[in-house]
Protein backbone atom coordinates (compact mmCIF):
# COMPACT_ATOMS: atom_id res chain seq x y z
CA MET A 1 -56.93 63.64 -52.92
CA THR A 2 -57.71 67.39 -51.09
CA ASN A 3 -55.65 69.04 -53.90
CA ARG A 4 -57.45 67.40 -56.41
CA PHE A 5 -60.60 68.68 -54.90
CA GLU A 6 -59.30 71.92 -54.82
CA ILE A 7 -57.64 71.85 -58.67
CA ASN A 8 -61.40 71.44 -59.84
CA GLY A 9 -63.07 73.93 -57.72
CA TYR A 10 -64.87 71.81 -55.06
CA LEU A 11 -64.49 72.15 -51.41
CA LEU A 12 -64.41 69.91 -48.57
CA TYR A 13 -67.60 69.68 -46.11
CA ASP A 14 -66.61 72.40 -43.67
CA TYR A 15 -69.07 72.34 -40.69
CA ASN A 16 -69.10 75.96 -40.66
CA ILE A 17 -70.50 76.62 -44.31
CA VAL A 18 -73.73 76.35 -42.99
CA GLU A 19 -73.38 79.41 -41.34
CA GLN A 20 -71.12 81.11 -43.51
CA TYR A 21 -73.82 80.06 -46.67
CA TYR A 22 -76.00 83.13 -45.77
CA ASN A 23 -73.14 85.49 -45.57
CA LEU A 24 -71.76 84.21 -49.18
CA GLN A 25 -75.14 83.97 -50.93
CA SER A 26 -76.01 86.58 -53.34
CA ASN A 27 -79.49 87.85 -53.33
CA VAL A 28 -81.71 88.92 -56.14
CA ASP A 29 -85.57 90.04 -56.58
CA GLU A 30 -87.94 87.29 -57.34
CA ASP A 31 -89.03 89.50 -60.40
CA GLU A 32 -84.95 89.75 -61.85
CA MET A 33 -84.51 87.06 -64.64
CA LEU A 34 -81.61 86.65 -67.28
CA GLU A 35 -82.31 84.57 -70.29
CA ILE A 36 -80.81 81.45 -70.46
CA GLU A 37 -78.69 80.40 -73.38
CA LEU A 38 -80.97 79.25 -76.26
CA GLN A 39 -78.74 75.89 -76.92
CA LEU A 40 -79.45 74.78 -73.25
CA MET A 41 -83.60 76.07 -73.45
CA LYS A 42 -83.45 73.32 -76.43
CA TYR A 43 -82.27 70.60 -74.28
CA ILE A 44 -84.99 71.41 -71.59
CA ASP A 45 -87.62 71.89 -73.92
CA LYS A 46 -86.47 68.16 -75.09
CA ILE A 47 -86.62 66.63 -72.11
CA ILE A 48 -89.80 68.23 -71.07
CA ASP A 49 -91.59 66.92 -74.72
CA LEU A 50 -90.30 63.48 -74.08
CA CYS A 51 -91.25 62.98 -70.51
CA GLU A 52 -94.84 64.33 -71.84
CA GLU A 53 -94.81 62.05 -75.02
CA ASN A 54 -94.22 58.99 -72.37
CA ASP A 55 -96.28 60.18 -69.47
CA VAL A 56 -93.19 60.76 -67.15
CA ALA A 57 -93.43 63.02 -64.67
CA LEU A 58 -90.69 65.38 -64.45
CA ILE A 59 -89.44 67.64 -61.84
CA PHE A 60 -86.85 69.95 -62.00
CA TYR A 61 -85.03 71.08 -58.41
CA ARG A 62 -82.14 73.46 -57.32
CA VAL A 63 -80.09 72.72 -54.95
CA PRO A 64 -78.44 75.14 -52.47
CA TYR A 65 -75.22 76.27 -52.93
CA VAL A 66 -73.57 79.66 -53.21
CA SER A 67 -74.46 81.49 -56.06
CA LYS A 68 -73.78 84.53 -58.36
CA GLU A 69 -76.26 87.04 -58.97
CA THR A 70 -76.58 86.23 -62.66
CA GLU A 71 -77.03 82.29 -61.67
CA LEU A 72 -79.84 83.40 -59.38
CA SER A 73 -81.37 85.50 -62.30
CA LYS A 74 -81.43 82.60 -64.80
CA ALA A 75 -82.68 80.34 -61.76
CA ASN A 76 -86.05 83.08 -61.47
CA TYR A 77 -86.28 82.89 -65.54
CA LEU A 78 -86.27 78.92 -65.55
CA ARG A 79 -89.00 79.43 -62.45
CA GLU A 80 -91.11 81.03 -64.67
CA TYR A 81 -90.47 79.29 -68.29
CA LEU A 82 -91.15 75.80 -66.40
CA ASN A 83 -94.63 77.36 -64.96
CA ASP A 84 -95.60 78.17 -68.10
CA ARG A 85 -95.05 74.60 -69.34
CA ASN A 86 -96.85 73.13 -66.45
CA THR A 87 -93.53 71.45 -65.19
CA LEU A 88 -92.58 71.17 -61.24
CA TYR A 89 -89.45 73.48 -60.46
CA PHE A 90 -88.48 73.62 -56.51
C-alpha cells in the first residue's frame, strides 16, 4: 500500500510535515494572479449558476497543502473572480 501511495504522488502522514509545511510552501503576493484555464472557468460558472437557480448556498474553499507559485497565483485569481460573483471562498 505504501508503494501505491508513492506511485500516485501521495505521501503517508508524517507528524513532522506540519513543521515542514511552512518551509516548503511557496509564497506569492495577494495581487499576483494567473488566469485559470477557460475550460475550468466554464465549469465553475456552471456550478455557480446552477446553485443560484436552485437557491443553494455555495462555498468554495482551499485546503492547505504545499503549493507551487502557479497554483497560488491561480488561487488568487479565483478568489477575486468569486468575490466578483458574490460567492464565498475561504
